[in-house]
């Protein structure tokens, strides 16, 4: 695992925050909420994938199948 994944998560957070702020300023609160939920789902998908890779590596290191 490298640091690029952290940068990807940070980029997702920054983009979602900017889009949500723009939508709230234009009185589209409902769409802003949907965008924030979609951003959260994307970030959690990346995190779950990383955790799955971690467990797979641990299984391979200890020889547990």
N, C-alpha and C. Protein backbone atom coordinates (compact mmCIF):
# COMPACT_ATOMS: atom_id res chain seq x y z
N UNK A 1 0.85 -1.18 0.00
CA UNK A 1 0.00 0.00 0.00
C UNK A 1 0.89 1.23 0.00
N UNK A 2 0.48 2.19 -0.75
CA UNK A 2 1.27 3.40 -0.84
C UNK A 2 0.43 4.61 -0.46
N UNK A 3 1.07 5.74 -0.50
CA UNK A 3 0.43 6.97 -0.03
C UNK A 3 -0.56 7.54 -1.05
N UNK A 4 -0.54 7.04 -2.27
CA UNK A 4 -1.43 7.58 -3.30
C UNK A 4 -2.90 7.34 -2.95
N UNK A 5 -3.18 6.29 -2.21
CA UNK A 5 -4.57 6.02 -1.80
C UNK A 5 -5.07 7.10 -0.86
N UNK A 6 -4.19 7.56 0.03
CA UNK A 6 -4.57 8.66 0.92
C UNK A 6 -4.86 9.93 0.13
N UNK A 7 -4.07 10.18 -0.91
CA UNK A 7 -4.31 11.35 -1.74
C UNK A 7 -5.63 11.22 -2.50
N UNK A 8 -5.97 10.01 -2.93
CA UNK A 8 -7.24 9.79 -3.61
C UNK A 8 -8.41 10.07 -2.67
N UNK A 9 -8.32 9.58 -1.44
CA UNK A 9 -9.38 9.84 -0.47
C UNK A 9 -9.50 11.32 -0.15
N UNK A 10 -8.36 11.99 -0.03
CA UNK A 10 -8.39 13.43 0.24
C UNK A 10 -8.99 14.19 -0.94
N UNK A 11 -8.66 13.78 -2.16
CA UNK A 11 -9.22 14.43 -3.35
C UNK A 11 -10.73 14.24 -3.42
N UNK A 12 -11.18 13.04 -3.10
CA UNK A 12 -12.63 12.79 -3.08
C UNK A 12 -13.31 13.71 -2.07
N UNK A 13 -12.71 13.82 -0.90
CA UNK A 13 -13.29 14.68 0.13
C UNK A 13 -13.33 16.14 -0.27
N UNK A 14 -12.27 16.62 -0.88
CA UNK A 14 -12.22 18.03 -1.30
C UNK A 14 -13.23 18.30 -2.40
N UNK A 15 -13.31 17.41 -3.38
CA UNK A 15 -14.26 17.60 -4.48
C UNK A 15 -15.69 17.58 -3.98
N UNK A 16 -16.01 16.63 -3.12
CA UNK A 16 -17.37 16.54 -2.58
C UNK A 16 -17.71 17.78 -1.76
N UNK A 17 -16.76 18.26 -0.98
CA UNK A 17 -17.00 19.45 -0.17
C UNK A 17 -17.27 20.68 -1.03
N UNK A 18 -16.47 20.86 -2.06
CA UNK A 18 -16.66 22.02 -2.95
C UNK A 18 -18.00 21.94 -3.67
N UNK A 19 -18.33 20.76 -4.20
CA UNK A 19 -19.60 20.61 -4.91
C UNK A 19 -20.77 20.83 -3.96
N UNK A 20 -20.69 20.31 -2.75
CA UNK A 20 -21.77 20.50 -1.78
C UNK A 20 -21.94 21.98 -1.42
N UNK A 21 -20.85 22.68 -1.23
CA UNK A 21 -20.94 24.10 -0.91
C UNK A 21 -21.55 24.89 -2.06
N UNK A 22 -21.17 24.55 -3.28
CA UNK A 22 -21.76 25.24 -4.44
C UNK A 22 -23.25 24.96 -4.55
N UNK A 23 -23.63 23.73 -4.30
CA UNK A 23 -25.06 23.39 -4.38
C UNK A 23 -25.86 24.05 -3.25
N UNK A 24 -25.28 24.15 -2.06
CA UNK A 24 -25.99 24.79 -0.96
C UNK A 24 -26.15 26.29 -1.21
N UNK A 25 -25.15 26.90 -1.81
CA UNK A 25 -25.24 28.34 -2.12
C UNK A 25 -26.31 28.62 -3.17
N UNK A 26 -26.58 27.62 -4.04
CA UNK A 26 -27.60 27.80 -5.07
C UNK A 26 -28.95 27.21 -4.65
N UNK A 27 -29.13 27.01 -3.35
CA UNK A 27 -30.40 26.54 -2.77
C UNK A 27 -30.84 25.18 -3.31
N UNK A 28 -29.89 24.27 -3.45
CA UNK A 28 -30.20 22.89 -3.85
C UNK A 28 -29.69 21.94 -2.76
N UNK A 29 -30.30 22.06 -1.60
CA UNK A 29 -29.86 21.29 -0.44
C UNK A 29 -30.07 19.79 -0.61
N UNK A 30 -31.15 19.41 -1.28
CA UNK A 30 -31.43 17.98 -1.46
C UNK A 30 -30.35 17.32 -2.31
N UNK A 31 -29.98 17.98 -3.39
CA UNK A 31 -28.94 17.43 -4.27
C UNK A 31 -27.60 17.42 -3.56
N UNK A 32 -27.36 18.42 -2.73
CA UNK A 32 -26.13 18.47 -1.96
C UNK A 32 -26.03 17.28 -1.01
N UNK A 33 -27.12 16.92 -0.40
CA UNK A 33 -27.14 15.76 0.49
C UNK A 33 -26.85 14.47 -0.29
N UNK A 34 -27.43 14.34 -1.47
CA UNK A 34 -27.19 13.16 -2.30
C UNK A 34 -25.72 13.09 -2.71
N UNK A 35 -25.14 14.23 -3.07
CA UNK A 35 -23.73 14.26 -3.47
C UNK A 35 -22.83 13.85 -2.30
N UNK A 36 -23.15 14.32 -1.11
CA UNK A 36 -22.32 13.96 0.04
C UNK A 36 -22.45 12.46 0.36
N UNK A 37 -23.63 11.89 0.21
CA UNK A 37 -23.81 10.46 0.45
C UNK A 37 -23.05 9.64 -0.61
N UNK A 38 -23.10 10.07 -1.85
CA UNK A 38 -22.38 9.37 -2.92
C UNK A 38 -20.87 9.45 -2.67
N UNK A 39 -20.39 10.60 -2.24
CA UNK A 39 -18.97 10.73 -1.91
C UNK A 39 -18.56 9.82 -0.77
N UNK A 40 -19.41 9.70 0.22
CA UNK A 40 -19.14 8.80 1.34
C UNK A 40 -19.10 7.35 0.89
N UNK A 41 -20.02 6.97 0.02
CA UNK A 41 -20.05 5.60 -0.48
C UNK A 41 -18.78 5.30 -1.29
N UNK A 42 -18.35 6.24 -2.11
CA UNK A 42 -17.13 6.04 -2.90
C UNK A 42 -15.92 5.90 -1.99
N UNK A 43 -15.81 6.76 -0.98
CA UNK A 43 -14.68 6.69 -0.05
C UNK A 43 -14.70 5.37 0.74
N UNK A 44 -15.86 4.95 1.17
CA UNK A 44 -15.96 3.68 1.90
C UNK A 44 -15.63 2.49 1.01
N UNK A 45 -15.99 2.56 -0.26
CA UNK A 45 -15.65 1.49 -1.20
C UNK A 45 -14.13 1.36 -1.34
N UNK A 46 -13.46 2.49 -1.45
CA UNK A 46 -12.00 2.47 -1.53
C UNK A 46 -11.40 1.90 -0.25
N UNK A 47 -11.93 2.32 0.89
CA UNK A 47 -11.41 1.85 2.18
C UNK A 47 -11.66 0.35 2.36
N UNK A 48 -12.82 -0.13 2.00
CA UNK A 48 -13.14 -1.56 2.15
C UNK A 48 -12.25 -2.39 1.23
N UNK A 49 -11.97 -1.89 0.05
CA UNK A 49 -11.07 -2.59 -0.86
C UNK A 49 -9.68 -2.70 -0.25
N UNK A 50 -9.21 -1.61 0.37
CA UNK A 50 -7.90 -1.63 1.02
C UNK A 50 -7.88 -2.62 2.17
N UNK A 51 -8.93 -2.66 2.96
CA UNK A 51 -8.99 -3.57 4.10
C UNK A 51 -9.03 -5.02 3.60
N UNK A 52 -9.75 -5.27 2.52
CA UNK A 52 -9.77 -6.61 1.94
C UNK A 52 -8.40 -7.05 1.47
N UNK A 53 -7.67 -6.15 0.84
CA UNK A 53 -6.30 -6.45 0.42
C UNK A 53 -5.39 -6.73 1.61
N UNK A 54 -5.59 -5.96 2.69
CA UNK A 54 -4.81 -6.17 3.90
C UNK A 54 -5.05 -7.56 4.48
N UNK A 55 -6.30 -7.97 4.59
CA UNK A 55 -6.61 -9.30 5.12
C UNK A 55 -6.07 -10.39 4.22
N UNK A 56 -6.12 -10.19 2.91
CA UNK A 56 -5.58 -11.18 1.98
C UNK A 56 -4.06 -11.31 2.16
N UNK A 57 -3.39 -10.19 2.36
CA UNK A 57 -1.94 -10.23 2.60
C UNK A 57 -1.62 -10.94 3.91
N UNK A 58 -2.42 -10.67 4.95
CA UNK A 58 -2.20 -11.33 6.24
C UNK A 58 -2.41 -12.83 6.10
N UNK A 59 -3.44 -13.23 5.36
CA UNK A 59 -3.68 -14.66 5.14
C UNK A 59 -2.51 -15.32 4.41
N UNK A 60 -1.97 -14.64 3.44
CA UNK A 60 -0.84 -15.19 2.68
C UNK A 60 0.42 -15.26 3.52
N UNK A 61 0.65 -14.28 4.37
CA UNK A 61 1.86 -14.26 5.19
C UNK A 61 1.84 -15.42 6.19
N UNK A 62 0.69 -15.62 6.83
CA UNK A 62 0.62 -16.67 7.84
C UNK A 62 0.20 -18.02 7.28
N UNK A 63 -0.08 -18.10 6.00
CA UNK A 63 -0.42 -19.37 5.38
C UNK A 63 -1.78 -19.91 5.76
N UNK A 64 -2.69 -19.06 6.12
CA UNK A 64 -4.04 -19.47 6.49
C UNK A 64 -4.90 -19.42 5.23
N UNK A 65 -5.51 -20.58 4.90
CA UNK A 65 -6.32 -20.60 3.70
C UNK A 65 -7.72 -20.92 4.05
